[in-house]
Amino acid sequence: MADEPIDDEAMAAEWEAMAGGGGDDDQDAMAAEWEAMAGGDGAAEEEDEDMSGAAPGRVLDQDEIDSLLGFDGDADAGETTGIHALINSALVSYERLPMMDIIFDRMVRMMSTSLRNFTSDNIEVSLDNITSVRFGDYLNSIPLPAMLAVFRAEEWDNYGLMTIDSSLIYSIVDVLLGGRRGTAAMRIEGRPYTTIEQTLVERMISVVLKDMCGAFEPLSPVNFTFDRLETNPRFATIARPPNAAVLIKLRVDMEDRGGRLEVLFPYATLEPIRELLLQRFMGEKFGRDTIWETHLATELWRANVDLMAIMDETEMSLGEVMNLQVGQTVVFNKTPRDEIVLKCGDVAMVSGAIGRAGQHMAVQVRRTAERLQSANMEE
């Protein structure tokens, strides 16, 4: 057997017979097996998809991307979510300064009256919102052209910023120079503001700063002085770009004209009165009511006060007092020329010389309570 040669042709014929006899059945069986395996994986994948609720390879749409990044919040309402909220988490929320609402609500009422007197026109001032921003982001968001007024808080030794947009500038100029009512203010772009326009806006800024001083006065008296007027935001930098600031947006309407006025306080400026701004206030008058103050002062001045004229005082023992008889004379050390003291209770009010006015005893006032106290201290 070992010495017999291998017949290649016979072996090839045998393999061909084996392949030809079961080739179709084997191929069909193999195809069916692979199909079953693929179907099983598909069923498992469908089951996983049903359990998870979403396909593993599904692409997010634009709304979901905006929600993830936090750009779907209401910017005016100050609502941020997602990554945007994490980025802005370092900012101090203005809600920690509840007195700002009371102060600028008072300022709005004062501005409505003062601007009416300033322009002799019907003006309505409204407070849009109060938000916290980064100083650099605010400067980059200012729509140009605009005027930026830098003012100084004398008592706080720091600066603030006031922005007047072009619509309000042209409206004020139009009203002060006798523009026709019922027509929108003409807006001319592409040119710098003239000296007349800047002067008129400076006068309006002085009126607004005076009202803002009055709004802060019940909380903390402060004097806001105008420093300079800029048209380029780069020259109005009063704080570092990352610093937090409080932005107050005001709307000024003059019939069919008007614009926006924004006031920005860096938190460093408000730091001296931070404790006062943190307190929660109930009411609208900073805890003071001028009507009751006036009424109370008026009634106090009308109150009746009993005065006693003390002729003289002497010390006696209890035995001497008990031995006093009718008709006995008690001698004092006062003479008619000496001064007597008029007291209200135990408090010395005035002193003077005793005398007579008709059938009544009288006292001529010579020294008040302050002079009387100083004289007693010297003695």
Foldseek 3Di string as FASTA:
>chain_A
DVPDDDDPVVVVVVVVCVCVVCVVVVVVVVVVVVVVVVVVVVVVQVVVCVVVVHHPPDDDDPVVVCQQCFNPDDVLVVDTDHVVCVVCVVADWCVLQQCVVLLVVQLQVQLQVLVCVVLVARKHKDWRDKTKDFQQVVLVPDDPQWKKWWKAWVVLGAIKIKIFHQQALQVQVCRNVPHDPPDRRDGDPDDDDDPVSVVSVVVSVVSSQVSSQVSCVLQPRIHIGTDDMDRRSVVVDRDDRRFMKMKIKMWMDGPPGTGIMIMIGTVSSCVVRSVSSSDDDDDNDSPDDVVVVVVVVVVVVVDDFDKDWAQADDDDDPVVVVPDDPPDDDDGPDDQADKIFIDGVPQTAFIAGWDDDVPDIDGDTDGGSVVVVVVVVVD
